[in-house]
Amino acid sequence: MMSRTHSFGGALVATALLSFVSPHAGARDGAIPAKWQAGTNYTQLEAPQPTAAPKGKVEVLEVFWYGCGHCFALDPALESWSAGKPDYVEFTRLPVIWGPAHAQHAKLYYTLRALKRDDLHAKVFSAIHEAGQMLAAQDEVAAREMQRKFVVAHGVTAKDFDAAYDSMTVATQLRRAENLTRAYQVASVPLIIVNGKYSTGVSQAGGTPQLLNLINDLAASEKGR
């Protein structure tokens, strides 16, 4: 897990043992299975936050940073889990904003969303952790140029990149990400928050397969309420 005091780091991709994960097994009637212990496997937040999930959906939120090696390692498992998640689960991501580099990466994330190029999410991780392209810099102009060059190399025009990058939509999402980073008191990433009420992570859950099962169980408990 990467805390806000850590800097950029590399990591190898960890392969999740998804065969052990059943999206439909776990909590029933609002109960969290006894195998998961509050304070050990997950934290019940003192100040729950409202979610952006549609009515009838349970939000599963991943708080991440592109520069975090642990986030890079977890991403393939989360993508696979998301492809088979229960229909009532609304999976979304929140780029953490602790400082300038995080804000630059957050802006890239929301720019890709505005461009409808979610397919480049994993490629950003790969560029940073495998190709050594940090896609962030001390100078904001330099960071923008790096990100523009990366996106253009993947088929987006410079004009479309600039329009999305400078859009009010991206600016609004950045403010929301900054506010939620504070509201959730995010101290480390990757962090999973279920329905604005519970937080957990790989170490807390006991491993990647356990985390995915715990996410399912916490979401099922919220669905049953």
Protein backbone atom coordinates (compact mmCIF):
# COMPACT_ATOMS: atom_id res chain seq x y z
CA MET A 1 0.00 0.00 0.00
CA MET A 2 1.34 3.44 -0.85
CA SER A 3 0.93 6.25 1.65
CA ARG A 4 0.86 9.92 0.85
CA THR A 5 4.46 10.21 2.05
CA HIS A 6 5.76 7.90 -0.69
CA SER A 7 6.95 9.02 -4.13
CA PHE A 8 6.78 7.33 -7.54
CA GLY A 9 7.72 3.66 -7.43
CA GLY A 10 7.78 0.67 -9.75
CA ALA A 11 6.15 -2.69 -9.16
CA LEU A 12 5.45 -5.93 -10.95
CA VAL A 13 1.86 -6.77 -11.87
CA ALA A 14 0.40 -9.23 -9.36
CA THR A 15 -1.93 -11.85 -10.87
CA ALA A 16 -5.11 -12.19 -8.80
CA LEU A 17 -6.51 -15.60 -7.98
CA LEU A 18 -9.96 -14.81 -9.30
CA SER A 19 -11.01 -18.45 -9.38
CA PHE A 20 -11.57 -18.15 -5.62
CA VAL A 21 -13.95 -15.21 -6.01
CA SER A 22 -17.69 -15.68 -6.30
CA PRO A 23 -19.60 -12.45 -6.96
CA HIS A 24 -22.82 -13.95 -5.62
CA ALA A 25 -21.60 -15.66 -2.45
CA GLY A 26 -21.41 -13.87 0.88
CA ALA A 27 -23.67 -11.59 2.86
CA ARG A 28 -27.38 -12.06 2.93
CA ASP A 29 -30.17 -9.93 4.43
CA GLY A 30 -27.84 -7.07 5.27
CA ALA A 31 -25.44 -9.16 7.38
CA ILE A 32 -21.67 -9.07 6.91
CA PRO A 33 -20.27 -12.61 7.22
CA ALA A 34 -18.59 -13.25 10.58
CA LYS A 35 -15.32 -14.22 8.87
CA TRP A 36 -14.75 -10.51 8.22
CA GLN A 37 -13.91 -8.49 11.30
CA ALA A 38 -14.51 -4.76 11.57
CA GLY A 39 -11.31 -3.03 12.55
CA THR A 40 -9.24 -5.89 11.16
CA ASN A 41 -10.43 -6.68 7.62
CA TYR A 42 -12.32 -3.46 7.03
CA THR A 43 -13.03 -0.13 8.67
CA GLN A 44 -16.48 1.27 9.28
CA LEU A 45 -16.10 4.95 8.52
CA GLU A 46 -16.91 7.41 11.28
CA ALA A 47 -18.16 9.93 8.71
CA PRO A 48 -19.93 8.07 5.87
CA GLN A 49 -20.18 10.02 2.62
CA PRO A 50 -23.04 10.17 0.11
CA THR A 51 -22.28 8.33 -3.11
CA ALA A 52 -22.84 9.19 -6.75
CA ALA A 53 -24.30 5.77 -7.54
CA PRO A 54 -27.72 5.59 -9.20
CA LYS A 55 -30.70 4.67 -7.03
CA GLY A 56 -30.69 0.98 -6.21
CA LYS A 57 -26.96 0.62 -6.83
CA VAL A 58 -24.18 0.00 -4.31
CA GLU A 59 -21.07 2.02 -5.03
CA VAL A 60 -17.65 0.37 -4.92
CA LEU A 61 -15.04 3.10 -5.19
CA GLU A 62 -11.35 2.55 -5.80
CA VAL A 63 -9.13 5.39 -4.63
CA PHE A 64 -5.88 5.17 -6.60
CA TRP A 65 -2.87 7.00 -7.97
CA TYR A 66 -1.25 6.26 -11.33
CA GLY A 67 2.19 6.62 -9.72
CA CYS A 68 1.45 3.95 -7.10
CA GLY A 69 3.04 0.57 -7.78
CA HIS A 70 0.50 -1.21 -5.56
CA CYS A 71 -2.36 0.35 -7.54
CA PHE A 72 -0.69 -0.84 -10.74
CA ALA A 73 -0.43 -4.36 -9.33
CA LEU A 74 -4.07 -4.45 -8.21
CA ASP A 75 -5.55 -2.97 -11.38
CA PRO A 76 -5.78 -6.18 -13.50
CA ALA A 77 -7.59 -8.00 -10.69
CA LEU A 78 -10.07 -5.16 -10.25
CA GLU A 79 -10.70 -5.05 -14.00
CA SER A 80 -11.43 -8.79 -14.04
CA TRP A 81 -13.64 -8.52 -10.96
CA SER A 82 -15.52 -5.59 -12.50
CA ALA A 83 -16.31 -7.61 -15.62
CA GLY A 84 -18.20 -10.17 -13.53
CA LYS A 85 -19.48 -8.06 -10.64
CA PRO A 86 -23.12 -8.21 -9.53
CA ASP A 87 -25.46 -5.96 -11.51
CA TYR A 88 -26.34 -3.90 -8.45
CA VAL A 89 -22.72 -2.83 -7.96
CA GLU A 90 -21.62 0.49 -9.45
CA PHE A 91 -17.82 0.41 -9.76
CA THR A 92 -16.01 3.70 -10.11
CA ARG A 93 -12.58 5.17 -9.47
CA LEU A 94 -11.35 8.22 -7.62
CA PRO A 95 -7.84 9.53 -8.31
CA VAL A 96 -6.33 10.65 -5.03
CA ILE A 97 -5.11 14.25 -4.82
CA TRP A 98 -2.45 14.86 -2.19
CA GLY A 99 -0.23 17.23 -4.17
CA PRO A 100 0.74 18.55 -7.62
CA ALA A 101 1.84 15.22 -9.15
CA HIS A 102 -1.34 13.52 -7.98
CA ALA A 103 -3.43 16.37 -9.38
CA GLN A 104 -1.67 16.07 -12.75
CA HIS A 105 -2.38 12.35 -12.92
CA ALA A 106 -5.96 12.93 -11.75
CA LYS A 107 -6.43 15.44 -14.55
CA LEU A 108 -5.14 12.89 -17.05
CA TYR A 109 -7.58 10.29 -15.71
CA TYR A 110 -10.57 12.63 -16.04
CA THR A 111 -9.39 13.84 -19.45
CA LEU A 112 -9.39 10.23 -20.69
CA ARG A 113 -12.88 9.82 -19.25
CA ALA A 114 -14.05 12.95 -21.07
CA LEU A 115 -12.54 11.59 -24.28
CA LYS A 116 -14.33 8.25 -23.71
CA ARG A 117 -10.95 6.52 -23.80
CA ASP A 118 -11.21 4.38 -20.68
CA ASP A 119 -9.24 1.79 -22.65
CA LEU A 120 -6.14 3.91 -22.01
CA HIS A 121 -6.41 3.58 -18.22
CA ALA A 122 -4.25 0.44 -18.07
CA LYS A 123 -1.89 1.90 -20.68
CA VAL A 124 -1.18 4.88 -18.42
CA PHE A 125 -0.15 2.49 -15.66
CA SER A 126 2.03 0.59 -18.11
CA ALA A 127 3.66 3.76 -19.46
CA ILE A 128 4.60 4.87 -15.94
CA HIS A 129 5.64 1.59 -14.35
CA GLU A 130 7.02 -0.32 -17.32
CA ALA A 131 8.19 2.34 -19.78
CA GLY A 132 9.36 4.93 -17.25
CA GLN A 133 7.17 7.73 -18.64
CA MET A 134 6.13 9.56 -15.49
CA LEU A 135 3.46 11.70 -17.24
CA ALA A 136 3.90 14.29 -14.50
CA ALA A 137 6.45 17.02 -13.87
CA GLN A 138 7.29 19.89 -11.55
CA ASP A 139 6.24 22.23 -14.35
CA GLU A 140 2.54 22.12 -15.25
CA VAL A 141 3.21 23.01 -18.90
CA ALA A 142 5.71 20.16 -19.21
CA ALA A 143 3.28 17.73 -17.60
CA ARG A 144 0.55 18.73 -20.02
CA GLU A 145 2.86 18.25 -22.98
CA MET A 146 3.87 14.78 -21.78
CA GLN A 147 0.25 13.77 -21.38
CA ARG A 148 -0.77 15.26 -24.75
CA LYS A 149 2.03 13.36 -26.48
CA PHE A 150 0.98 10.11 -24.79
CA VAL A 151 -2.69 10.48 -25.72
CA VAL A 152 -1.94 11.56 -29.31
CA ALA A 153 0.22 8.46 -29.69
CA HIS A 154 -2.92 6.45 -28.96
CA GLY A 155 -5.08 8.00 -31.64
CA VAL A 156 -6.49 11.15 -30.04
CA THR A 157 -5.97 14.48 -31.82
CA ALA A 158 -4.15 17.24 -30.00
CA LYS A 159 -7.22 19.44 -30.48
CA ASP A 160 -9.53 16.92 -28.81
CA PHE A 161 -7.07 16.42 -25.97
CA ASP A 162 -6.83 20.15 -25.29
CA ALA A 163 -10.60 20.59 -25.40
CA ALA A 164 -11.15 17.82 -22.87
CA TYR A 165 -8.19 18.83 -20.70
CA ASP A 166 -9.47 22.42 -20.40
CA SER A 167 -13.15 21.50 -20.06
CA MET A 168 -15.39 22.55 -17.18
CA THR A 169 -16.33 18.89 -16.72
CA VAL A 170 -12.75 17.89 -15.94
CA ALA A 171 -12.26 20.90 -13.67
CA THR A 172 -15.40 20.00 -11.72
CA GLN A 173 -14.34 16.38 -11.36
CA LEU A 174 -10.93 17.45 -10.10
CA ARG A 175 -12.51 19.60 -7.38
CA ARG A 176 -14.73 16.69 -6.37
CA ALA A 177 -11.74 14.33 -6.21
CA GLU A 178 -9.85 16.77 -4.01
CA ASN A 179 -12.87 17.20 -1.72
CA LEU A 180 -13.42 13.44 -1.42
CA THR A 181 -9.74 12.81 -0.71
CA ARG A 182 -10.19 15.05 2.32
CA ALA A 183 -13.66 13.81 3.28
CA TYR A 184 -12.54 10.17 3.27
CA GLN A 185 -9.28 11.14 5.00
CA VAL A 186 -7.36 9.03 2.49
CA ALA A 187 -3.94 8.24 3.94
CA SER A 188 -2.85 5.48 1.55
CA VAL A 189 -3.76 3.87 -1.76
CA PRO A 190 -5.11 1.67 -3.21
CA LEU A 191 -8.15 2.04 -0.99
CA ILE A 192 -11.57 0.50 -1.61
CA ILE A 193 -14.64 2.26 -0.23
CA VAL A 194 -17.98 0.44 -0.29
CA ASN A 195 -21.14 2.55 -0.42
CA GLY A 196 -19.45 5.45 1.34
CA LYS A 197 -19.48 3.44 4.61
CA TYR A 198 -16.65 0.92 4.66
CA SER A 199 -13.00 1.07 3.62
CA THR A 200 -10.52 -1.74 3.05
CA GLY A 201 -7.47 -2.73 1.06
CA VAL A 202 -5.32 -5.66 0.01
CA SER A 203 -3.31 -5.95 3.25
CA GLN A 204 -6.32 -5.37 5.47
CA ALA A 205 -8.38 -8.02 3.68
CA GLY A 206 -5.52 -10.53 3.70
CA GLY A 207 -4.63 -10.59 0.01
CA THR A 208 -6.07 -9.78 -3.40
CA PRO A 209 -8.54 -12.72 -3.68
CA GLN A 210 -9.72 -12.02 -0.14
CA LEU A 211 -10.18 -8.34 -0.96
CA LEU A 212 -12.40 -9.14 -3.92
CA ASN A 213 -14.51 -11.52 -1.83
CA LEU A 214 -14.76 -8.91 0.92
CA ILE A 215 -15.89 -6.27 -1.58
CA ASN A 216 -18.64 -8.62 -2.74
CA ASP A 217 -19.74 -9.36 0.82
CA LEU A 218 -19.78 -5.72 1.91
CA ALA A 219 -21.70 -4.74 -1.24
CA ALA A 220 -24.18 -7.58 -0.70
CA SER A 221 -24.73 -6.44 2.88
CA GLU A 222 -25.56 -2.95 1.64
CA LYS A 223 -27.87 -4.32 -1.05
CA GLY A 224 -29.75 -6.21 1.65
CA ARG A 225 -30.44 -3.11 3.74
